[in-house]
Protein backbone atom coordinates (compact mmCIF):
# COMPACT_ATOMS: atom_id res chain seq x y z
CA GLU A 1 8.47 -28.06 121.36
CA TYR A 2 5.24 -29.92 121.12
CA GLY A 3 3.60 -27.13 118.96
CA GLY A 4 6.37 -27.74 116.36
CA TYR A 5 5.94 -31.65 116.60
CA TYR A 6 2.16 -31.18 116.07
CA PHE A 7 2.68 -28.71 113.16
CA LYS A 8 5.13 -30.98 111.29
CA ARG A 9 2.53 -34.03 111.89
CA ASN A 10 -0.36 -31.90 110.57
CA SER A 11 1.68 -30.79 107.70
CA ALA A 12 2.44 -34.15 106.89
CA PHE A 13 -1.24 -35.35 107.02
CA LEU A 14 -2.03 -32.34 104.95
CA LEU A 15 0.46 -33.18 102.46
CA CYS A 16 -0.67 -36.85 102.33
CA PHE A 17 -4.29 -35.97 102.06
CA SER A 18 -3.63 -33.38 99.04
CA PHE A 19 -1.76 -36.11 97.25
CA ALA A 20 -4.64 -38.77 97.77
CA MET A 21 -7.11 -36.36 96.33
CA PHE A 22 -4.87 -35.32 93.55
CA ILE A 23 -4.59 -39.05 92.69
CA LEU A 24 -8.30 -39.59 93.07
CA LYS A 25 -9.22 -36.68 90.94
CA GLN A 26 -6.90 -38.04 87.83
CA THR A 27 -8.23 -41.43 88.37
CA ASN A 28 -11.84 -40.52 88.27
CA ARG A 29 -10.80 -38.26 85.14
CA ILE A 30 -9.46 -41.20 83.49
CA PHE A 31 -12.35 -43.50 84.26
CA ALA A 32 -14.79 -41.00 82.84
CA ARG A 33 -12.77 -40.34 79.88
CA ARG A 34 -12.70 -44.25 79.19
CA THR A 35 -16.43 -44.55 79.89
CA LYS A 36 -17.17 -41.79 77.50
CA ARG A 37 -15.11 -43.63 74.84
CA ASP A 38 -16.94 -46.61 75.70
CA ILE A 39 -20.26 -45.04 75.37
CA ILE A 40 -19.27 -43.44 71.89
CA LYS A 41 -17.95 -47.04 70.73
CA ARG A 42 -20.95 -48.85 71.75
CA LYS A 43 -23.28 -46.35 70.27
CA TYR A 44 -21.56 -46.15 66.74
CA LYS A 45 -19.58 -49.50 67.05
CA ILE A 46 -16.43 -48.09 66.38
CA ASN A 47 -13.23 -50.03 65.89
CA THR A 48 -10.42 -47.74 66.01
CA LYS A 49 -7.60 -50.30 65.59
CA GLN A 50 -8.85 -50.89 62.12
CA ASN A 51 -9.31 -47.22 61.69
CA ARG A 52 -12.94 -47.46 60.62
CA SER A 53 -16.35 -47.13 61.89
CA ILE A 54 -19.23 -49.36 61.95
CA ILE A 55 -22.74 -47.63 61.98
CA PRO A 56 -25.67 -49.78 63.23
CA ASN A 57 -27.08 -52.94 61.23
CA GLY A 58 -23.50 -53.94 59.89
CA PHE A 59 -22.49 -51.43 57.35
CA SER A 60 -18.98 -52.58 57.81
CA LYS A 61 -19.72 -55.29 55.14
CA ARG A 62 -20.30 -52.55 52.51
CA LYS A 63 -17.26 -50.93 54.03
CA ALA A 64 -19.15 -47.70 54.76
CA LEU A 65 -16.32 -45.33 56.11
CA LEU A 66 -17.88 -42.83 58.11
CA GLY A 67 -15.07 -40.39 59.12
CA SER A 68 -12.99 -42.33 61.57
CA GLN A 69 -10.64 -39.49 61.76
CA THR A 70 -13.27 -37.20 63.22
CA PHE A 71 -14.31 -39.82 65.48
CA LYS A 72 -10.54 -40.48 66.78
CA ARG A 73 -10.64 -36.67 67.28
CA TYR A 74 -13.68 -36.86 69.13
CA LEU A 75 -12.22 -39.42 71.63
CA THR A 76 -9.19 -37.53 72.21
CA GLU A 77 -10.66 -34.14 72.92
CA GLU A 78 -13.36 -33.39 75.26
CA SER A 79 -16.35 -31.74 72.97
CA ASP A 80 -19.90 -31.66 72.15
CA PHE A 81 -19.49 -33.31 68.57
CA GLU A 82 -21.92 -35.86 67.78
CA LEU A 83 -22.11 -37.83 64.29
CA PHE A 84 -25.48 -37.28 62.75
CA VAL A 85 -26.62 -40.54 60.83
CA PRO A 86 -30.13 -40.05 59.54
CA LYS A 87 -32.56 -42.72 60.78
CA ILE A 88 -34.24 -44.59 58.03
CA GLY A 89 -37.03 -46.88 58.45
CA VAL A 90 -39.12 -49.10 56.26
CA CYS A 91 -42.72 -49.69 57.31
CA GLY A 92 -44.69 -52.47 55.38
CA VAL A 93 -48.44 -52.02 55.58
CA GLY A 94 -50.78 -54.98 54.91
CA GLY A 95 -50.00 -58.22 53.41
CA ALA A 96 -48.13 -56.83 50.16
CA GLY A 97 -46.39 -54.31 52.41
CA GLY A 98 -45.24 -57.18 54.82
CA ASN A 99 -43.78 -59.42 52.17
CA ALA A 100 -41.73 -56.66 50.52
CA VAL A 101 -40.26 -55.99 54.09
CA ASN A 102 -39.58 -59.87 54.44
CA GLN A 103 -37.81 -59.61 51.13
CA MET A 104 -35.51 -56.84 52.10
CA ILE A 105 -34.54 -58.47 55.33
CA MET A 106 -33.74 -61.66 53.50
CA ASN A 107 -31.39 -59.63 51.19
CA LYS A 108 -29.81 -58.04 54.03
CA LEU A 109 -30.53 -54.71 53.22
CA GLU A 110 -28.43 -52.35 55.78
CA GLY A 111 -28.74 -49.18 57.42
CA VAL A 112 -32.47 -49.19 57.81
CA ASP A 113 -34.92 -50.42 60.46
CA PHE A 114 -37.88 -52.46 59.58
CA ILE A 115 -41.58 -52.25 61.01
CA VAL A 116 -44.85 -54.06 59.67
CA CYS A 117 -48.60 -53.00 60.41
CA ASN A 118 -51.17 -55.38 59.62
CA THR A 119 -54.71 -56.08 60.63
CA ASP A 120 -54.21 -59.66 59.93
CA ASN A 121 -52.54 -61.35 62.93
CA GLN A 122 -51.60 -64.49 60.97
CA ALA A 123 -49.83 -62.53 58.57
CA LEU A 124 -47.82 -60.89 61.15
CA THR A 125 -46.66 -64.15 62.83
CA GLN A 126 -45.03 -64.81 59.45
CA SER A 127 -42.99 -61.61 59.44
CA LEU A 128 -39.25 -61.40 59.78
CA ALA A 129 -39.62 -57.53 60.89
CA PRO A 130 -38.52 -57.27 64.60
CA THR A 131 -41.10 -54.66 65.21
CA ARG A 132 -44.70 -55.80 64.26
CA ILE A 133 -47.82 -53.82 65.07
CA GLN A 134 -51.22 -55.24 64.81
CA LEU A 135 -53.85 -52.74 63.52
CA GLY A 136 -57.38 -52.10 64.88
CA VAL A 137 -57.23 -54.83 67.68
CA ARG A 138 -60.48 -53.77 68.94
CA LEU A 139 -62.23 -53.24 65.19
CA THR A 140 -60.70 -56.23 63.34
CA ARG A 141 -59.66 -58.67 66.06
CA GLY A 142 -56.65 -59.47 64.23
CA LEU A 143 -58.90 -61.12 61.20
CA GLY A 144 -58.25 -58.59 58.53
CA THR A 145 -60.49 -55.95 56.66
CA GLY A 146 -62.34 -57.92 54.14
CA ALA A 147 -60.78 -55.98 51.27
CA LYS A 148 -62.39 -52.83 52.81
CA PRO A 149 -60.27 -49.66 52.75
CA GLN A 150 -62.57 -47.81 54.97
CA ALA A 151 -62.05 -50.67 57.73
CA GLY A 152 -58.33 -50.34 57.12
CA ALA A 153 -58.36 -46.77 57.67
CA ASP A 154 -60.34 -46.99 60.82
CA ALA A 155 -57.89 -49.70 62.12
CA ALA A 156 -54.85 -47.22 61.26
CA LYS A 157 -56.56 -44.77 63.18
CA GLU A 158 -57.09 -46.75 66.39
CA SER A 159 -53.47 -47.80 66.22
CA LEU A 160 -51.96 -44.72 65.23
CA ASP A 161 -50.47 -43.64 68.56
CA GLU A 162 -48.72 -47.12 68.88
CA ILE A 163 -47.29 -46.63 65.37
CA LEU A 164 -46.18 -42.97 65.99
CA GLU A 165 -44.41 -44.24 68.99
CA HIS A 166 -42.32 -46.31 67.02
CA LEU A 167 -41.77 -43.95 64.02
CA ARG A 168 -41.48 -40.56 65.43
CA ASP A 169 -37.74 -40.35 65.94
CA TYR A 170 -36.97 -41.23 62.13
CA HIS A 171 -35.89 -38.76 59.61
CA MET A 172 -37.16 -40.63 56.68
CA VAL A 173 -39.82 -43.48 56.27
CA PHE A 174 -40.62 -45.71 53.38
CA LEU A 175 -44.23 -47.02 53.43
CA ALA A 176 -44.53 -50.19 51.35
CA ALA A 177 -48.08 -51.44 50.40
CA GLY A 178 -50.51 -52.77 47.71
CA LEU A 179 -53.19 -50.82 46.54
CA GLY A 180 -56.67 -52.57 46.03
CA GLY A 181 -56.94 -54.43 49.12
CA GLY A 182 -58.33 -53.29 52.48
CA THR A 183 -55.56 -52.58 54.94
CA GLY A 184 -52.67 -51.32 52.41
CA THR A 185 -55.15 -49.02 50.53
CA GLY A 186 -56.97 -47.60 53.67
CA ALA A 187 -54.33 -47.18 56.38
CA THR A 188 -51.29 -46.12 54.25
CA PRO A 189 -52.83 -42.91 53.66
CA ILE A 190 -53.46 -42.42 57.18
CA ILE A 191 -49.96 -43.52 58.58
CA GLY A 192 -48.32 -41.21 55.74
CA LYS A 193 -50.24 -38.21 56.62
CA ALA A 194 -49.31 -38.63 60.21
CA LEU A 195 -45.52 -38.90 59.36
CA LYS A 196 -45.57 -36.10 57.25
CA LYS A 197 -47.33 -33.83 59.72
CA LEU A 198 -44.18 -34.67 62.06
CA GLY A 199 -42.04 -33.43 59.54
CA ILE A 200 -40.79 -36.82 58.48
CA LEU A 201 -39.64 -37.24 54.91
CA THR A 202 -42.32 -40.02 53.89
CA VAL A 203 -41.79 -41.85 50.56
CA ALA A 204 -44.39 -44.37 49.51
CA VAL A 205 -43.67 -47.35 47.45
CA VAL A 206 -46.98 -49.21 46.25
CA THR A 207 -47.97 -51.69 43.64
CA THR A 208 -51.20 -51.78 41.59
CA PRO A 209 -53.30 -54.83 40.75
CA PHE A 210 -53.22 -57.20 37.63
CA THR A 211 -55.75 -56.71 35.12
CA PHE A 212 -57.06 -60.03 35.83
CA GLU A 213 -58.08 -59.00 39.46
CA GLY A 214 -61.10 -57.26 38.07
CA GLY A 215 -62.60 -53.65 37.90
CA ILE A 216 -63.45 -53.28 41.57
CA ARG A 217 -60.14 -53.81 42.96
CA ARG A 218 -58.54 -51.62 40.18
CA LYS A 219 -61.15 -49.01 41.36
CA LEU A 220 -60.22 -49.27 44.83
CA ALA A 221 -56.56 -48.98 44.01
CA GLU A 222 -57.42 -45.82 41.98
CA ASN A 223 -59.07 -44.23 45.12
CA GLY A 224 -56.39 -45.23 47.18
CA TYR A 225 -53.85 -43.98 45.10
CA LYS A 226 -55.47 -40.29 44.80
CA GLU A 227 -55.75 -40.21 48.43
CA LEU A 228 -52.05 -41.47 49.24
CA ARG A 229 -50.47 -38.87 46.70
CA ASP A 230 -51.57 -35.95 48.99
CA SER A 231 -50.55 -37.81 52.07
CA VAL A 232 -46.97 -38.39 51.32
CA ASP A 233 -43.81 -36.40 50.22
CA THR A 234 -42.85 -38.66 47.14
CA MET A 235 -44.95 -41.74 45.72
CA LEU A 236 -43.31 -44.61 43.61
CA VAL A 237 -45.81 -46.88 41.71
CA ILE A 238 -44.84 -50.25 40.33
CA PRO A 239 -47.83 -51.67 38.17
CA ASN A 240 -48.12 -55.71 38.84
CA GLN A 241 -49.24 -55.85 35.18
CA ASN A 242 -45.65 -54.68 34.11
CA LEU A 243 -44.35 -58.01 35.12
CA PHE A 244 -45.70 -59.37 32.00
CA LYS A 245 -43.20 -56.95 30.05
CA LEU A 246 -40.24 -58.84 31.43
CA LYS A 247 -38.28 -60.73 28.99
CA ASN A 248 -38.51 -63.90 30.94
CA SER A 249 -42.34 -63.36 31.74
CA GLN A 250 -43.24 -66.80 29.91
CA THR A 251 -41.21 -68.90 32.53
CA LEU A 252 -41.39 -66.58 35.50
CA THR A 253 -42.75 -68.23 38.57
CA LEU A 254 -45.08 -66.42 40.61
CA LEU A 255 -42.90 -66.29 43.31
CA ASN A 256 -40.13 -64.97 41.61
CA ALA A 257 -42.34 -62.39 39.83
CA PHE A 258 -43.33 -60.80 43.26
CA LYS A 259 -39.78 -60.99 44.37
CA THR A 260 -38.84 -58.71 41.32
CA ALA A 261 -41.52 -56.32 42.12
CA ASP A 262 -40.17 -56.04 45.50
CA GLU A 263 -36.51 -55.75 44.09
CA VAL A 264 -37.62 -51.86 43.03
CA LEU A 265 -38.47 -51.07 46.71
CA TYR A 266 -35.03 -52.78 47.85
CA GLN A 267 -33.07 -50.94 45.15
CA GLY A 268 -34.93 -47.42 45.98
CA VAL A 269 -34.23 -47.81 49.70
CA ARG A 270 -30.63 -48.71 48.94
CA THR A 271 -30.02 -46.00 46.49
CA VAL A 272 -30.95 -43.50 49.21
CA THR A 273 -28.85 -45.21 51.90
CA ASP A 274 -25.88 -45.24 49.37
CA LEU A 275 -26.51 -41.58 48.75
CA ILE A 276 -26.53 -40.05 52.42
CA VAL A 277 -24.80 -42.68 54.40
CA ILE A 278 -21.72 -43.44 52.57
CA PRO A 279 -19.42 -40.36 52.35
CA GLY A 280 -18.04 -39.74 49.03
CA MET A 281 -15.68 -37.51 46.94
CA ILE A 282 -18.60 -35.29 46.18
CA ASN A 283 -21.26 -35.90 48.86
CA VAL A 284 -24.99 -35.85 48.56
CA ASP A 285 -26.11 -35.26 52.41
CA PHE A 286 -29.81 -35.74 53.89
CA GLY A 287 -30.77 -32.03 53.28
CA ASP A 288 -30.07 -32.56 49.52
CA VAL A 289 -32.27 -35.62 49.39
CA LYS A 290 -35.03 -33.65 51.38
CA SER A 291 -35.04 -30.90 49.02
CA VAL A 292 -35.65 -33.40 46.00
CA MET A 293 -38.10 -35.29 47.56
CA SER A 294 -40.25 -33.36 49.93
CA GLU A 295 -43.51 -32.23 48.77
CA MET A 296 -42.92 -33.62 45.08
CA GLY A 297 -45.52 -36.27 44.19
CA LEU A 298 -44.60 -38.97 41.94
CA GLY A 299 -40.98 -40.12 41.77
CA LEU A 300 -38.64 -42.77 40.10
CA MET A 301 -35.57 -44.27 41.93
CA GLY A 302 -33.40 -46.48 40.29
CA SER A 303 -29.63 -48.13 40.43
CA GLY A 304 -27.73 -49.62 37.59
CA GLU A 305 -24.47 -51.34 37.38
CA ALA A 306 -22.31 -51.88 34.40
CA GLU A 307 -18.45 -52.91 33.39
CA GLY A 308 -16.34 -53.05 30.33
CA GLN A 309 -16.70 -50.68 27.36
CA SER A 310 -19.31 -47.75 27.52
CA ARG A 311 -20.15 -48.74 31.04
CA ALA A 312 -21.24 -45.43 31.91
CA ILE A 313 -24.03 -45.35 29.18
CA LYS A 314 -25.12 -48.99 30.20
CA ALA A 315 -25.36 -48.28 33.96
CA ALA A 316 -27.18 -44.91 33.29
CA ASP A 317 -29.59 -46.74 30.87
CA SER A 318 -30.29 -49.48 33.51
CA ALA A 319 -31.03 -46.96 36.23
CA ILE A 320 -33.50 -45.15 34.15
CA LYS A 321 -35.31 -47.62 31.97
CA ASN A 322 -36.84 -50.11 34.73
CA GLU A 323 -39.25 -52.52 32.95
CA LEU A 324 -41.38 -52.41 35.74
CA LEU A 325 -41.45 -48.68 36.14
CA SER A 326 -41.98 -48.37 32.04
CA ASN A 327 -45.00 -46.07 32.34
CA THR A 328 -42.70 -43.39 34.36
CA SER A 329 -40.65 -40.97 32.39
CA LEU A 330 -38.05 -38.67 33.61
CA LYS A 331 -39.23 -35.81 31.18
CA GLY A 332 -41.26 -33.91 33.64
CA ALA A 333 -38.86 -34.34 36.53
CA LYS A 334 -38.73 -31.27 38.78
CA GLY A 335 -35.81 -32.76 41.00
CA LEU A 336 -32.99 -35.12 40.32
CA ILE A 337 -30.36 -36.70 42.35
CA ILE A 338 -27.61 -38.59 40.35
CA ASN A 339 -24.79 -40.48 42.27
CA VAL A 340 -21.95 -42.11 40.32
CA THR A 341 -19.85 -45.03 42.07
CA GLY A 342 -16.95 -46.52 40.82
CA GLY A 343 -13.46 -48.05 41.67
CA VAL A 344 -10.18 -46.15 41.60
CA ASP A 345 -10.38 -46.47 37.84
CA LEU A 346 -13.40 -44.26 37.77
CA ALA A 347 -12.68 -41.49 34.98
CA LEU A 348 -13.79 -37.94 34.98
CA GLN A 349 -15.22 -38.35 31.19
CA GLU A 350 -17.32 -41.58 32.39
CA VAL A 351 -18.85 -39.35 35.13
CA GLN A 352 -19.75 -36.80 32.92
CA THR A 353 -21.20 -38.96 30.24
CA ALA A 354 -23.53 -40.77 32.89
CA CYS A 355 -24.76 -37.52 34.10
CA ASP A 356 -25.23 -36.05 30.52
CA HIS A 357 -27.11 -39.24 29.43
CA VAL A 358 -29.52 -38.98 32.53
CA LYS A 359 -29.87 -35.36 32.22
CA LYS A 360 -31.00 -35.31 28.65
CA GLU A 361 -33.92 -37.52 29.64
CA ALA A 362 -35.02 -34.91 32.28
CA HIS A 363 -36.70 -31.49 32.11
CA PRO A 364 -34.01 -28.91 30.98
CA GLU A 365 -34.88 -26.96 34.02
CA THR A 366 -35.00 -29.66 36.68
CA ASN A 367 -33.28 -29.12 40.05
CA LEU A 368 -29.97 -31.46 39.58
CA ILE A 369 -28.07 -32.46 42.58
CA PHE A 370 -24.85 -34.60 41.78
CA GLY A 371 -22.69 -36.77 44.11
CA SER A 372 -19.72 -39.10 43.37
CA THR A 373 -18.34 -42.04 45.38
CA VAL A 374 -14.96 -43.82 44.67
CA ASN A 375 -15.21 -47.36 46.32
CA GLY A 376 -12.25 -49.78 45.65
CA ALA A 377 -14.70 -52.78 46.29
CA MET A 378 -16.44 -51.72 43.00
CA GLY A 379 -13.56 -53.00 40.94
CA SER A 380 -14.23 -52.57 37.41
CA LYS A 381 -17.97 -52.03 37.91
CA MET A 382 -19.44 -48.53 37.83
CA ARG A 383 -22.77 -47.82 39.32
CA VAL A 384 -25.40 -45.00 38.62
CA SER A 385 -27.93 -44.23 41.25
CA ILE A 386 -30.89 -41.83 40.41
CA ILE A 387 -33.81 -40.19 42.19
CA ALA A 388 -36.30 -38.38 40.13
CA THR A 389 -39.24 -36.51 41.57
CA GLY A 390 -42.04 -34.21 40.45
CA LEU A 391 -43.03 -36.59 37.55
CA ASP A 392 -46.45 -36.56 35.95
CA SER A 393 -48.81 -37.78 38.63
CA THR A 394 -51.38 -39.63 36.55
CA TYR A 395 -52.73 -43.04 37.90
CA THR A 396 -51.54 -45.78 35.66
CA GLN A 397 -52.55 -49.66 35.56
């Protein structure tokens, strides 16, 4: 009798215990799944209710849809899937590079991170970049290089570990600098060579001096150009003297003139982010960009928009014929990426017209990669973006 009583009591206890463990296990699984969802949402800032995903730095403003269905599938299944979004950084070196970065930040360029490096501590305090690195603290003490490229190079070597600590995880880095001075001319090749050695796709966008700045500065810029050319994958040169070729050069203020030069860098970086971050009908991925820009020397990047009749020709012309890059021609291009973006009315014939117009300017045997995106926000406009590499690498003033 007592045995039966204890058996019944123990059975009831075991049943309750098993039921409690089952509830606890299910609760833990639910919380673990919710935690996983929250982590992914915070990491990629996903808004599943609106069926869209927002990558860092506010790409939602440009409606960059990054496969929300894939994310929703990830959030409902336990898998090892992770979205690959290439990390792109813009590093301004020296005074001119820092000014270019400030201009891009004020233009609200999205999808990239900004870093500035300078030997002049006063210039660093005026930078809008979230990451600022003072080069050569012991060597220059924050007072600049005195327009001596060797001092800029030594300062970069002193601070190279700190620079790489911030940049080593990036897939692509744009280096912005002005040639002819000390920090930009001397430090940029050192940084570029270190990044390239790490396997990071490194693109330098540099300006050359005005003719009125004299022969010494021109010679320093020429020497810096030759050294930098071998230290990066692709190099884009903007001669400041070409500012006088602009149609409004007679009335152009000094401030607006340099903003116009900085706009070339802005358009170049935006071209890349448009190509590899925003998915399209015919995608251009980071591997395509790397194959065209890796170890290619002098390059050209441009983007043009047009609407109305003959908009394909007008947009392609605007992308190719930049007045600030008039010394650069597509004729010797070894690699070429063309991306055509338009609204829902984008016609197949227009895509062919734009591509043919760009192709006829390039070498017949150029390695061409084509992409196309339909974006309702474009309305009646059409945009043609190009990246050309492997051009003639002769120094131009």
